[in-house]
Amino acid sequence: QVQFVESGGGLVQPGGSLRLSCTVPGNGFSGFIMGWFRQAPGKERELVARITPGGLTNYDDSVKGRFTISRDSFKNTLYLQMNSLKPEDTAIYYCNAVVGGKGFSSWGQGTQVIVSS
């Protein structure tokens, strides 16, 4: 069973920054589009950023210009740099392979991000 391991979340004030990391087991996902999803309380999980194996990126409008997704294939690690954070960014953040706009594999435990003053 594939298990992604997300880390880097925490409590941050509005306008602050966080960098999330996701360890991808093995190299079985090196050929996949990888993405960051988030799930806010009472809402469905949504895809906010994705990156192709070649490094092309795509963002949801709600995070465009503030978040940056990247991947280090040698370290099998996916990153999400989050700047200018807003309270509405509060959610549990997950990484996964992306197929058809949805998570492809089983979900990890996620990492909690809370944006509050």
Protein backbone atom coordinates (compact mmCIF):
# COMPACT_ATOMS: atom_id res chain seq x y z
CA GLN A 1 0.00 0.00 0.00
CA VAL A 2 1.52 3.29 -1.11
CA GLN A 3 1.76 5.81 1.71
CA PHE A 4 2.52 9.44 1.09
CA VAL A 5 3.97 11.32 4.05
CA GLU A 6 3.15 15.01 4.26
CA SER A 7 4.83 17.46 6.64
CA GLY A 8 5.48 21.15 7.22
CA GLY A 9 2.06 22.35 8.31
CA GLY A 10 1.39 24.50 11.33
CA LEU A 11 -0.17 27.66 12.69
CA VAL A 12 0.72 30.85 10.85
CA GLN A 13 -0.59 34.39 10.84
CA PRO A 14 -2.31 35.86 7.78
CA GLY A 15 0.31 37.01 5.30
CA GLY A 16 2.78 34.42 6.50
CA SER A 17 4.47 31.55 4.67
CA LEU A 18 4.85 27.81 5.01
CA ARG A 19 6.61 25.16 2.97
CA LEU A 20 4.98 21.75 2.78
CA SER A 21 6.85 18.59 1.86
CA CYS A 22 5.59 15.21 0.71
CA THR A 23 7.72 12.10 0.60
CA VAL A 24 6.72 9.80 -2.23
CA PRO A 25 7.68 6.18 -1.55
CA GLY A 26 9.99 4.61 -4.10
CA ASN A 27 10.01 5.98 -7.63
CA GLY A 28 6.79 4.44 -8.86
CA PHE A 29 5.22 7.85 -9.34
CA SER A 30 8.06 9.49 -11.25
CA GLY A 31 6.02 9.39 -14.45
CA PHE A 32 2.85 10.76 -12.91
CA ILE A 33 1.44 14.23 -12.58
CA MET A 34 1.66 14.98 -8.86
CA GLY A 35 -0.54 17.36 -6.96
CA TRP A 36 -1.40 19.03 -3.69
CA PHE A 37 -4.95 18.77 -2.49
CA ARG A 38 -6.61 20.35 0.52
CA GLN A 39 -9.73 19.73 2.54
CA ALA A 40 -11.21 22.47 4.69
CA PRO A 41 -13.67 21.66 7.49
CA GLY A 42 -17.06 20.81 6.05
CA LYS A 43 -15.83 20.93 2.47
CA GLU A 44 -14.77 18.41 -0.13
CA ARG A 45 -11.14 17.78 -0.92
CA GLU A 46 -9.95 19.96 -3.80
CA LEU A 47 -6.89 20.00 -6.04
CA VAL A 48 -4.98 23.27 -5.67
CA ALA A 49 -1.72 22.68 -7.56
CA ARG A 50 -0.26 20.09 -9.90
CA ILE A 51 3.06 19.48 -11.63
CA THR A 52 3.96 17.24 -14.55
CA PRO A 53 7.05 15.01 -14.64
CA GLY A 54 8.63 17.66 -16.87
CA GLY A 55 7.92 20.48 -14.42
CA LEU A 56 4.89 22.17 -15.98
CA THR A 57 2.62 23.55 -13.28
CA ASN A 58 -1.03 24.46 -12.94
CA TYR A 59 -2.85 26.17 -10.06
CA ASP A 60 -6.36 26.74 -8.88
CA ASP A 61 -7.34 30.39 -9.14
CA SER A 62 -7.63 30.63 -5.36
CA VAL A 63 -3.87 30.08 -4.90
CA LYS A 64 -2.42 31.35 -8.17
CA GLY A 65 0.40 33.78 -7.59
CA ARG A 66 0.78 32.77 -3.94
CA PHE A 67 1.60 29.05 -4.01
CA THR A 68 4.42 27.33 -5.88
CA ILE A 69 4.59 23.58 -6.44
CA SER A 70 7.87 21.83 -7.19
CA ARG A 71 9.28 18.32 -7.22
CA ASP A 72 12.68 16.80 -6.62
CA SER A 73 12.74 13.52 -8.46
CA PHE A 74 16.07 12.45 -6.94
CA LYS A 75 14.68 12.83 -3.45
CA ASN A 76 11.21 11.55 -4.40
CA THR A 77 9.82 14.65 -2.72
CA LEU A 78 7.05 17.06 -3.65
CA TYR A 79 6.93 20.60 -2.24
CA LEU A 80 4.39 23.37 -1.88
CA GLN A 81 5.67 26.84 -1.04
CA MET A 82 2.77 28.87 0.33
CA ASN A 83 3.12 32.64 0.63
CA SER A 84 0.69 35.42 1.54
CA LEU A 85 -1.45 32.91 3.39
CA LYS A 86 -5.09 33.74 4.07
CA PRO A 87 -7.51 32.36 6.66
CA GLU A 88 -9.36 30.60 3.84
CA ASP A 89 -6.23 28.54 3.19
CA THR A 90 -6.87 26.75 6.47
CA ALA A 91 -7.22 23.05 5.67
CA ILE A 92 -5.54 19.67 5.81
CA TYR A 93 -3.15 19.40 2.87
CA TYR A 94 -2.48 16.13 1.06
CA CYS A 95 -0.32 15.06 -1.84
CA ASN A 96 -1.15 12.40 -4.38
CA ALA A 97 -0.70 11.39 -7.97
CA VAL A 98 -3.29 13.11 -10.15
CA VAL A 99 -5.33 11.23 -12.70
CA GLY A 100 -8.42 12.82 -14.19
CA GLY A 101 -8.14 15.67 -11.74
CA LYS A 102 -8.47 13.37 -8.74
CA GLY A 103 -6.14 11.57 -6.39
CA PHE A 104 -5.01 8.27 -7.83
CA SER A 105 -3.52 6.39 -4.92
CA SER A 106 -4.41 5.95 -1.26
CA TRP A 107 -4.22 9.06 0.89
CA GLY A 108 -1.64 9.82 3.56
CA GLN A 109 -2.46 11.45 6.86
CA GLY A 110 -2.04 14.97 5.51
CA THR A 111 -0.59 18.00 7.25
CA GLN A 112 -2.72 20.61 8.99
CA VAL A 113 -2.40 24.26 8.02
CA ILE A 114 -4.11 26.88 10.18
CA VAL A 115 -4.01 30.52 9.18
CA SER A 116 -5.18 32.69 12.02
CA SER A 117 -4.22 35.77 13.97
